[in-house]
Amino acid sequence: MGKHSAPKRKSRSPFALAALVPIGLVTAAATAEADHQLTDSTKQVAETRQAPQSSTPAPAPAPVVEPVAQIAAPAPAPAPAPEVVPASVTSGQIPRVNYEAYFAAGSKLAQELPGCGISWQLIAGIGRVESTHANNGKAGDNGELLAPILGPVLDGSLAGNNVIHDTDGGQLDGDPNYDRAVGPMQFLPETWKMYAADGNGDGVIDPQNLFDAALTTGRYLCDGGLDLRDPEQQVAAVLRYNNSMEYVSDVRGWAAGY
């Protein structure tokens, strides 16, 4: 039998072989890397799920506090000045209600007629001589007399008094025939009507009220633009009440003592 020789195998190109090997290695490496990443990702998820949750809540953010404007406290009201009462009142020379009427009249006239310069003491001097301060203060707190004060009937029966026939129909003095001086400051009805003033602001003008009578007295003394700070003019004003220098001396003497 004839021998058959074995066919020779053709050798592969070294370049082809080299190309095959890296592809396999790359494929295997890629697969391994993918498995590794998957494993790491799964592990990370597992660790995250297994991580204990803190039971303490996160602190709340601090509230924003708006600045409050500081308001200064109001200054305390000044204490009223203590009332200074004249010694003539505390000693009983002038009843308290009479003093209040005289003082109120002087204060009001200082505002209304500042040029007159009348003092409450001069008004008080008239009140002392005319009625001994309304029979030593027989009046209510509002100045209303507890009993009316009426002078003698001016019919000529009393020595030294003029005859004055009725001028008001007996409205103020109760006598329809002759006039009488009325109230603690002893005004004739006709003169009262000319100068009458409401001294206590009650809407009634009454000669038997201390406050009304005191203010009316001041208006009467100040009439004619007199300045009673001048001694001569003060004398002239008081003479209107009674045309007697003895009367003027008595009034001014009491006023100086007050």
Protein backbone atom coordinates (compact mmCIF):
# COMPACT_ATOMS: atom_id res chain seq x y z
CA MET A 1 0.00 0.00 0.00
CA GLY A 2 1.38 3.23 -0.69
CA LYS A 3 1.99 5.57 2.32
CA HIS A 4 0.00 8.69 2.50
CA SER A 5 1.84 11.64 3.98
CA ALA A 6 -0.14 13.69 6.70
CA PRO A 7 -1.32 17.02 5.43
CA LYS A 8 0.57 19.92 6.74
CA ARG A 9 -1.38 22.41 8.93
CA LYS A 10 -1.13 26.00 8.08
CA SER A 11 0.17 28.11 10.96
CA ARG A 12 -2.08 30.97 12.15
CA SER A 13 -0.90 34.52 12.00
CA PRO A 14 0.60 35.66 15.26
CA PHE A 15 -1.35 38.87 14.90
CA ALA A 16 -4.63 37.02 14.74
CA LEU A 17 -3.79 35.04 17.83
CA ALA A 18 -2.75 38.05 19.73
CA ALA A 19 -6.02 39.72 18.83
CA LEU A 20 -8.08 36.84 20.15
CA VAL A 21 -6.45 36.70 23.52
CA PRO A 22 -7.07 40.31 24.60
CA ILE A 23 -10.73 40.15 23.60
CA GLY A 24 -11.31 37.21 25.90
CA LEU A 25 -9.41 38.83 28.70
CA VAL A 26 -11.31 42.10 28.26
CA THR A 27 -14.61 40.27 28.25
CA ALA A 28 -13.74 38.40 31.43
CA ALA A 29 -12.43 41.55 33.10
CA ALA A 30 -15.55 43.51 32.18
CA THR A 31 -17.75 40.79 33.56
CA ALA A 32 -15.74 40.67 36.78
CA GLU A 33 -15.84 44.49 37.16
CA ALA A 34 -19.59 44.52 36.58
CA ASP A 35 -20.02 41.84 39.21
CA HIS A 36 -17.81 43.78 41.56
CA GLN A 37 -19.77 47.02 41.06
CA LEU A 38 -23.06 45.22 41.51
CA THR A 39 -21.78 43.59 44.64
CA ASP A 40 -20.53 46.92 46.04
CA SER A 41 -23.79 48.68 45.17
CA THR A 42 -25.85 45.94 46.77
CA LYS A 43 -23.62 46.03 49.83
CA GLN A 44 -23.95 49.81 50.07
CA VAL A 45 -27.75 49.60 49.85
CA ALA A 46 -27.76 46.88 52.48
CA GLU A 47 -25.52 48.89 54.76
CA THR A 48 -27.73 51.94 54.29
CA ARG A 49 -30.83 49.96 55.15
CA GLN A 50 -29.11 48.37 58.16
CA ALA A 51 -27.79 51.72 59.51
CA PRO A 52 -29.64 52.55 62.74
CA GLN A 53 -31.92 55.60 62.57
CA SER A 54 -31.33 58.24 65.27
CA SER A 55 -34.31 58.60 67.62
CA THR A 56 -33.38 62.21 68.47
CA PRO A 57 -35.02 64.66 66.04
CA ALA A 58 -32.91 67.32 64.51
CA PRO A 59 -33.07 70.55 66.52
CA ALA A 60 -35.59 73.06 65.22
CA PRO A 61 -34.12 76.25 63.86
CA ALA A 62 -34.03 79.06 66.39
CA PRO A 63 -36.98 81.44 65.96
CA VAL A 64 -36.22 84.81 64.51
CA VAL A 65 -36.80 87.40 67.21
CA GLU A 66 -37.62 90.79 65.89
CA PRO A 67 -36.12 93.60 67.95
CA VAL A 68 -38.74 95.33 70.09
CA ALA A 69 -38.61 99.08 70.19
CA GLN A 70 -37.96 100.32 73.68
CA ILE A 71 -40.66 102.75 74.79
CA ALA A 72 -39.63 105.04 77.54
CA ALA A 73 -41.95 104.99 80.53
CA PRO A 74 -43.84 108.26 80.99
CA ALA A 75 -42.37 110.53 83.57
CA PRO A 76 -44.40 110.55 86.78
CA ALA A 77 -46.67 113.53 87.19
CA PRO A 78 -45.26 116.10 89.56
CA ALA A 79 -46.81 116.10 92.97
CA PRO A 80 -49.19 119.00 93.51
CA ALA A 81 -47.70 121.83 95.46
CA PRO A 82 -48.93 121.85 99.05
CA GLU A 83 -51.61 124.43 99.67
CA VAL A 84 -50.41 127.38 101.67
CA VAL A 85 -53.22 128.59 103.90
CA PRO A 86 -52.86 132.02 105.47
CA ALA A 87 -52.49 132.21 109.24
CA SER A 88 -55.67 134.26 109.30
CA VAL A 89 -57.52 131.16 108.10
CA THR A 90 -55.82 128.60 110.33
CA SER A 91 -56.28 130.87 113.34
CA GLY A 92 -59.99 131.30 112.58
CA GLN A 93 -59.89 135.00 111.77
CA ILE A 94 -61.35 134.13 108.35
CA PRO A 95 -63.62 131.08 107.95
CA ARG A 96 -62.33 128.64 105.36
CA VAL A 97 -65.27 128.99 102.95
CA ASN A 98 -65.02 132.79 103.06
CA TYR A 99 -61.30 132.66 102.31
CA GLU A 100 -61.97 130.39 99.34
CA ALA A 101 -64.52 132.89 97.99
CA TYR A 102 -62.21 135.87 98.46
CA PHE A 103 -59.22 134.07 96.98
CA ALA A 104 -61.22 132.82 93.98
CA ALA A 105 -62.43 136.36 93.28
CA GLY A 106 -58.91 137.80 93.47
CA SER A 107 -57.55 135.09 91.15
CA LYS A 108 -60.30 135.59 88.57
CA LEU A 109 -59.89 139.35 88.55
CA ALA A 110 -56.12 138.99 88.13
CA GLN A 111 -56.89 137.29 84.81
CA GLU A 112 -59.82 139.44 83.70
CA LEU A 113 -58.58 142.83 84.94
CA PRO A 114 -54.82 142.52 85.50
CA GLY A 115 -54.43 146.31 85.53
CA CYS A 116 -56.57 146.57 88.66
CA GLY A 117 -54.11 144.74 90.90
CA ILE A 118 -56.74 143.94 93.53
CA SER A 119 -55.81 141.51 96.29
CA TRP A 120 -58.02 138.93 97.93
CA GLN A 121 -57.09 140.53 101.26
CA LEU A 122 -58.80 143.82 100.32
CA ILE A 123 -61.97 141.93 99.38
CA ALA A 124 -61.72 140.12 102.71
CA GLY A 125 -61.42 143.46 104.50
CA ILE A 126 -64.75 144.53 102.97
CA GLY A 127 -66.32 141.23 104.02
CA ARG A 128 -65.10 141.63 107.60
CA VAL A 129 -66.46 145.15 108.04
CA GLU A 130 -69.76 144.57 106.22
CA SER A 131 -70.90 141.27 107.79
CA THR A 132 -68.09 139.82 109.93
CA HIS A 133 -67.45 137.29 107.16
CA ALA A 134 -71.11 136.31 106.80
CA ASN A 135 -71.60 135.92 110.53
CA ASN A 136 -68.37 133.93 110.86
CA GLY A 137 -68.81 131.60 107.92
CA LYS A 138 -72.42 130.53 108.19
CA ALA A 139 -72.51 129.19 104.63
CA GLY A 140 -72.35 125.91 102.76
CA ASP A 141 -69.33 124.69 100.82
CA ASN A 142 -70.80 126.23 97.66
CA GLY A 143 -70.93 129.63 99.35
CA GLU A 144 -74.69 129.76 99.77
CA LEU A 145 -75.61 131.44 103.06
CA LEU A 146 -77.50 129.37 105.57
CA ALA A 147 -79.70 132.41 106.20
CA PRO A 148 -79.96 135.59 104.09
CA ILE A 149 -78.29 138.75 105.35
CA LEU A 150 -80.33 141.94 105.00
CA GLY A 151 -79.41 145.44 106.11
CA PRO A 152 -81.80 147.89 107.77
CA VAL A 153 -84.67 149.33 105.77
CA LEU A 154 -83.45 152.61 104.27
CA ASP A 155 -86.55 154.64 105.09
CA GLY A 156 -84.79 157.33 107.14
CA SER A 157 -85.74 155.86 110.49
CA LEU A 158 -82.16 154.91 111.33
CA ALA A 159 -79.84 157.81 112.04
CA GLY A 160 -77.02 158.21 109.56
CA ASN A 161 -78.71 156.27 106.74
CA ASN A 162 -80.08 157.84 103.62
CA VAL A 163 -83.60 157.32 102.42
CA ILE A 164 -83.53 155.10 99.34
CA HIS A 165 -86.80 154.17 97.78
CA ASP A 166 -87.29 150.76 96.21
CA THR A 167 -85.42 150.11 92.96
CA ASP A 168 -86.05 146.39 92.38
CA GLY A 169 -89.68 145.83 93.33
CA GLY A 170 -88.53 143.99 96.42
CA GLN A 171 -86.95 141.22 94.31
CA LEU A 172 -83.65 141.08 96.21
CA ASP A 173 -84.47 142.65 99.55
CA GLY A 174 -88.13 141.70 99.98
CA ASP A 175 -89.23 145.31 100.46
CA PRO A 176 -91.35 146.89 97.67
CA ASN A 177 -91.18 150.35 99.25
CA TYR A 178 -87.57 150.94 100.31
CA ASP A 179 -84.28 149.37 99.49
CA ARG A 180 -82.09 147.38 101.86
CA ALA A 181 -78.48 146.29 101.47
CA VAL A 182 -78.32 142.57 100.71
CA GLY A 183 -75.88 139.73 101.21
CA PRO A 184 -72.56 139.33 103.04
CA MET A 185 -71.00 142.24 101.10
CA GLN A 186 -74.07 144.49 101.60
CA PHE A 187 -74.91 145.64 98.11
CA LEU A 188 -77.81 147.95 97.38
CA PRO A 189 -80.08 146.26 94.80
CA GLU A 190 -79.39 148.87 92.14
CA THR A 191 -75.60 148.58 92.51
CA TRP A 192 -75.76 144.79 92.56
CA LYS A 193 -77.52 144.70 89.20
CA MET A 194 -74.79 146.82 87.65
CA TYR A 195 -71.83 144.66 88.74
CA ALA A 196 -73.29 141.23 89.59
CA ALA A 197 -71.09 138.24 88.68
CA ASP A 198 -71.27 134.45 88.96
CA GLY A 199 -68.33 133.65 91.22
CA ASN A 200 -68.76 129.88 91.56
CA GLY A 201 -69.87 129.09 88.01
CA ASP A 202 -73.20 127.53 88.95
CA GLY A 203 -75.14 129.67 86.47
CA VAL A 204 -76.92 131.59 89.23
CA ILE A 205 -75.99 135.10 90.35
CA ASP A 206 -77.06 135.54 93.94
CA PRO A 207 -76.06 138.32 96.37
CA GLN A 208 -76.56 135.81 99.20
CA ASN A 209 -73.75 133.61 97.85
CA LEU A 210 -70.21 134.23 99.12
CA PHE A 211 -68.49 133.51 95.80
CA ASP A 212 -70.87 135.69 93.78
CA ALA A 213 -70.72 138.53 96.30
CA ALA A 214 -66.91 138.46 96.54
CA LEU A 215 -66.40 138.61 92.76
CA THR A 216 -69.00 141.37 92.43
CA THR A 217 -67.17 143.34 95.14
CA GLY A 218 -63.93 143.10 93.20
CA ARG A 219 -65.56 144.26 90.00
CA TYR A 220 -67.09 147.22 91.82
CA LEU A 221 -63.77 148.26 93.37
CA CYS A 222 -61.90 147.91 90.06
CA ASP A 223 -64.42 149.92 88.05
CA GLY A 224 -63.11 152.96 86.21
CA GLY A 225 -59.69 151.50 85.44
CA LEU A 226 -58.32 152.04 88.95
CA ASP A 227 -55.00 150.49 89.94
CA LEU A 228 -55.49 149.37 93.53
CA ARG A 229 -51.75 148.81 94.01
CA ASP A 230 -51.57 152.56 94.30
CA PRO A 231 -52.61 153.58 97.86
CA GLU A 232 -54.49 156.70 96.75
CA GLN A 233 -56.50 154.83 94.15
CA GLN A 234 -57.21 152.09 96.64
CA VAL A 235 -58.65 154.64 99.06
CA ALA A 236 -60.81 156.09 96.29
CA ALA A 237 -62.16 152.64 95.48
CA VAL A 238 -63.08 151.78 99.07
CA LEU A 239 -64.84 155.13 99.53
CA ARG A 240 -67.35 153.90 96.94
CA TYR A 241 -68.62 151.45 99.49
CA ASN A 242 -68.96 153.99 102.23
CA ASN A 243 -67.99 157.63 101.98
CA SER A 244 -66.17 157.59 105.28
CA MET A 245 -62.43 157.65 105.96
CA GLU A 246 -63.05 155.73 109.17
CA TYR A 247 -64.62 153.01 107.07
CA VAL A 248 -61.65 153.04 104.69
CA SER A 249 -59.24 152.77 107.62
CA ASP A 250 -61.10 149.79 109.06
CA VAL A 251 -61.20 147.92 105.73
CA ARG A 252 -57.54 148.51 104.94
CA GLY A 253 -56.51 147.65 108.47
CA TRP A 254 -58.19 144.27 108.32
CA ALA A 255 -56.76 143.66 104.84
CA ALA A 256 -53.22 144.38 106.07
CA GLY A 257 -53.72 141.93 108.94
CA TYR A 258 -54.75 139.17 106.54
